[in-house]
Amino acid sequence: MANAVELIQSIENLKEDAPEISPGDTVKVHVRIVEGNRERVQVVQGVIIRIRGGGINRTFTVRRVASHGIGVERTFLLHSPRVEKIEVLRKAHVRRAKLYFLRERSGKSARLRERRD
């Protein structure tokens, strides 16, 4: 049984085209959604507020502000077949690994300083 787990978590199942992402990055995540017998791609754009796990279990949470200022967070598996692609739009300079403080902020105070590389 342990062999099966190791096989599933092996390097060959990892996505090669997964970009380098970090907390504070603004990303567009293209997710495949199945509705009945139809399939479509939904785009979620927002700021990465946390990254957890390692290897094939690596997940990241994207926070976006929906209509009427309501914050919506979605967690994605980085190496999931449902995640078609991840586009990094901008990188931000942050000093912590988990950006939970953005939940209480709105407007200008929720902005992050852009990183110059």
C-alpha atoms as a PDB file:
ATOM      1  CA  MET A   1       0.000   0.000   0.000  1.00  0.00           C
ATOM      2  CA  ALA A   2       2.841   2.376   0.802  1.00  0.00           C
ATOM      3  CA  ASN A   3       4.254   1.622  -2.636  1.00  0.00           C
ATOM      4  CA  ALA A   4       1.010   2.777  -4.267  1.00  0.00           C
ATOM      5  CA  VAL A   5       1.099   6.055  -2.348  1.00  0.00           C
ATOM      6  CA  GLU A   6       4.696   6.633  -3.363  1.00  0.00           C
ATOM      7  CA  LEU A   7       3.834   5.860  -6.978  1.00  0.00           C
ATOM      8  CA  ILE A   8       0.967   8.360  -6.988  1.00  0.00           C
ATOM      9  CA  GLN A   9       3.135  11.001  -5.356  1.00  0.00           C
ATOM     10  CA  SER A  10       6.031  10.330  -7.694  1.00  0.00           C
ATOM     11  CA  ILE A  11       7.715  13.034  -9.697  1.00  0.00           C
ATOM     12  CA  GLU A  12       6.253  11.847 -13.000  1.00  0.00           C
ATOM     13  CA  ASN A  13       2.762  13.009 -11.911  1.00  0.00           C
ATOM     14  CA  LEU A  14       3.933  16.561 -11.219  1.00  0.00           C
ATOM     15  CA  LYS A  15       3.195  19.246 -13.802  1.00  0.00           C
ATOM     16  CA  GLU A  16       6.282  20.498 -15.581  1.00  0.00           C
ATOM     17  CA  ASP A  17       4.637  23.733 -16.732  1.00  0.00           C
ATOM     18  CA  ALA A  18       3.619  24.888 -13.234  1.00  0.00           C
ATOM     19  CA  PRO A  19       5.015  28.418 -12.763  1.00  0.00           C
ATOM     20  CA  GLU A  20       6.941  29.665  -9.746  1.00  0.00           C
ATOM     21  CA  ILE A  21       4.259  31.210  -7.543  1.00  0.00           C
ATOM     22  CA  SER A  22       4.541  32.802  -4.129  1.00  0.00           C
ATOM     23  CA  PRO A  23       2.255  34.612  -1.684  1.00  0.00           C
ATOM     24  CA  GLY A  24       1.404  38.100  -2.894  1.00  0.00           C
ATOM     25  CA  ASP A  25       1.371  37.177  -6.586  1.00  0.00           C
ATOM     26  CA  THR A  26      -1.666  38.214  -8.605  1.00  0.00           C
ATOM     27  CA  VAL A  27      -2.634  35.267 -10.776  1.00  0.00           C
ATOM     28  CA  LYS A  28      -5.231  34.086 -13.262  1.00  0.00           C
ATOM     29  CA  VAL A  29      -6.144  30.447 -12.679  1.00  0.00           C
ATOM     30  CA  HIS A  30      -7.931  28.656 -15.531  1.00  0.00           C
ATOM     31  CA  VAL A  31     -10.063  25.897 -13.976  1.00  0.00           C
ATOM     32  CA  ARG A  32     -12.024  23.233 -15.830  1.00  0.00           C
ATOM     33  CA  ILE A  33     -15.611  23.045 -14.476  1.00  0.00           C
ATOM     34  CA  VAL A  34     -17.958  20.138 -15.241  1.00  0.00           C
ATOM     35  CA  GLU A  35     -21.678  20.981 -15.280  1.00  0.00           C
ATOM     36  CA  GLY A  36     -23.752  17.935 -16.108  1.00  0.00           C
ATOM     37  CA  ASN A  37     -22.397  16.696 -19.420  1.00  0.00           C
ATOM     38  CA  ARG A  38     -20.835  20.027 -20.406  1.00  0.00           C
ATOM     39  CA  GLU A  39     -17.335  21.210 -19.605  1.00  0.00           C
ATOM     40  CA  ARG A  40     -16.129  24.794 -19.522  1.00  0.00           C
ATOM     41  CA  VAL A  41     -13.132  26.793 -18.350  1.00  0.00           C
ATOM     42  CA  GLN A  42     -13.620  29.343 -15.585  1.00  0.00           C
ATOM     43  CA  VAL A  43     -10.985  32.005 -14.882  1.00  0.00           C
ATOM     44  CA  VAL A  44     -10.333  33.049 -11.276  1.00  0.00           C
ATOM     45  CA  GLN A  45      -8.168  36.146 -10.843  1.00  0.00           C
ATOM     46  CA  GLY A  46      -6.871  37.222  -7.466  1.00  0.00           C
ATOM     47  CA  VAL A  47      -3.995  37.383  -4.987  1.00  0.00           C
ATOM     48  CA  ILE A  48      -2.335  34.275  -3.586  1.00  0.00           C
ATOM     49  CA  ILE A  49      -2.706  34.517   0.190  1.00  0.00           C
ATOM     50  CA  ARG A  50      -1.194  31.171   1.167  1.00  0.00           C
ATOM     51  CA  ILE A  51       0.694  28.164  -0.134  1.00  0.00           C
ATOM     52  CA  ARG A  52       0.622  24.855   1.735  1.00  0.00           C
ATOM     53  CA  GLY A  53       2.061  21.391   1.379  1.00  0.00           C
ATOM     54  CA  GLY A  54       4.775  20.059  -0.829  1.00  0.00           C
ATOM     55  CA  GLY A  55       5.248  17.839  -3.841  1.00  0.00           C
ATOM     56  CA  ILE A  56       2.024  16.662  -5.397  1.00  0.00           C
ATOM     57  CA  ASN A  57      -0.013  17.829  -2.366  1.00  0.00           C
ATOM     58  CA  ARG A  58       0.943  21.493  -2.848  1.00  0.00           C
ATOM     59  CA  THR A  59      -2.071  23.802  -2.653  1.00  0.00           C
ATOM     60  CA  PHE A  60      -2.531  27.534  -2.966  1.00  0.00           C
ATOM     61  CA  THR A  61      -5.398  29.830  -1.993  1.00  0.00           C
ATOM     62  CA  VAL A  62      -6.487  32.702  -4.227  1.00  0.00           C
ATOM     63  CA  ARG A  63      -8.482  35.615  -2.829  1.00  0.00           C
ATOM     64  CA  ARG A  64     -10.497  37.872  -5.080  1.00  0.00           C
ATOM     65  CA  VAL A  65     -13.059  40.567  -4.401  1.00  0.00           C
ATOM     66  CA  ALA A  66     -16.405  39.714  -6.012  1.00  0.00           C
ATOM     67  CA  SER A  67     -19.297  42.084  -6.593  1.00  0.00           C
ATOM     68  CA  HIS A  68     -20.349  44.435  -3.775  1.00  0.00           C
ATOM     69  CA  GLY A  69     -16.938  44.095  -2.078  1.00  0.00           C
ATOM     70  CA  ILE A  70     -17.419  40.516  -0.912  1.00  0.00           C
ATOM     71  CA  GLY A  71     -14.163  38.557  -0.676  1.00  0.00           C
ATOM     72  CA  VAL A  72     -14.092  35.058  -2.154  1.00  0.00           C
ATOM     73  CA  GLU A  73     -11.296  32.556  -1.533  1.00  0.00           C
ATOM     74  CA  ARG A  74     -10.674  29.367  -3.481  1.00  0.00           C
ATOM     75  CA  THR A  75      -8.065  26.720  -2.804  1.00  0.00           C
ATOM     76  CA  PHE A  76      -6.533  24.825  -5.722  1.00  0.00           C
ATOM     77  CA  LEU A  77      -4.255  21.825  -5.982  1.00  0.00           C
ATOM     78  CA  LEU A  78      -1.233  23.022  -7.944  1.00  0.00           C
ATOM     79  CA  HIS A  79      -0.792  19.740  -9.829  1.00  0.00           C
ATOM     80  CA  SER A  80      -4.501  18.992 -10.360  1.00  0.00           C
ATOM     81  CA  PRO A  81      -5.654  18.033 -13.858  1.00  0.00           C
ATOM     82  CA  ARG A  82      -8.594  20.432 -13.370  1.00  0.00           C
ATOM     83  CA  VAL A  83      -6.216  23.405 -13.253  1.00  0.00           C
ATOM     84  CA  GLU A  84      -5.414  24.033 -16.907  1.00  0.00           C
ATOM     85  CA  LYS A  85      -2.965  26.892 -16.516  1.00  0.00           C
ATOM     86  CA  ILE A  86      -1.802  29.566 -14.113  1.00  0.00           C
ATOM     87  CA  GLU A  87      -0.784  32.995 -15.385  1.00  0.00           C
ATOM     88  CA  VAL A  88       1.247  35.224 -13.074  1.00  0.00           C
ATOM     89  CA  LEU A  89       0.146  38.807 -13.754  1.00  0.00           C
ATOM     90  CA  ARG A  90       2.276  40.608 -11.161  1.00  0.00           C
ATOM     91  CA  LYS A  91       4.502  39.804  -8.229  1.00  0.00           C
ATOM     92  CA  ALA A  92       4.346  41.689  -4.952  1.00  0.00           C
ATOM     93  CA  HIS A  93       6.890  42.353  -2.231  1.00  0.00           C
ATOM     94  CA  VAL A  94       5.552  40.752   0.966  1.00  0.00           C
ATOM     95  CA  ARG A  95       7.251  40.021   4.271  1.00  0.00           C
ATOM     96  CA  ARG A  96       5.212  37.056   5.457  1.00  0.00           C
ATOM     97  CA  ALA A  97       4.184  33.654   4.151  1.00  0.00           C
ATOM     98  CA  LYS A  98       0.465  33.845   4.931  1.00  0.00           C
ATOM     99  CA  LEU A  99      -1.370  37.036   3.965  1.00  0.00           C
ATOM    100  CA  TYR A 100      -4.449  36.593   6.158  1.00  0.00           C
ATOM    101  CA  PHE A 101      -4.344  40.282   7.103  1.00  0.00           C
ATOM    102  CA  LEU A 102      -5.785  41.063   3.651  1.00  0.00           C
ATOM    103  CA  ARG A 103      -9.125  39.624   4.795  1.00  0.00           C
ATOM    104  CA  GLU A 104      -9.780  42.606   7.062  1.00  0.00           C
ATOM    105  CA  ARG A 105      -8.627  45.186   4.522  1.00  0.00           C
ATOM    106  CA  SER A 106     -10.357  46.764   1.567  1.00  0.00           C
ATOM    107  CA  GLY A 107      -9.580  49.495  -0.907  1.00  0.00           C
ATOM    108  CA  LYS A 108      -6.176  51.150  -0.888  1.00  0.00           C
ATOM    109  CA  SER A 109      -5.018  49.478   2.324  1.00  0.00           C
ATOM    110  CA  ALA A 110      -5.370  46.065   0.641  1.00  0.00           C
ATOM    111  CA  ARG A 111      -2.822  46.933  -2.060  1.00  0.00           C
ATOM    112  CA  LEU A 112       0.563  45.219  -2.124  1.00  0.00           C
ATOM    113  CA  ARG A 113       3.785  46.842  -3.296  1.00  0.00           C
ATOM    114  CA  GLU A 114       5.011  45.488  -6.641  1.00  0.00           C
ATOM    115  CA  ARG A 115       8.306  43.620  -6.648  1.00  0.00           C
ATOM    116  CA  ARG A 116      10.997  44.854  -9.012  1.00  0.00           C
ATOM    117  CA  ASP A 117      13.215  42.030 -10.241  1.00  0.00           C
END
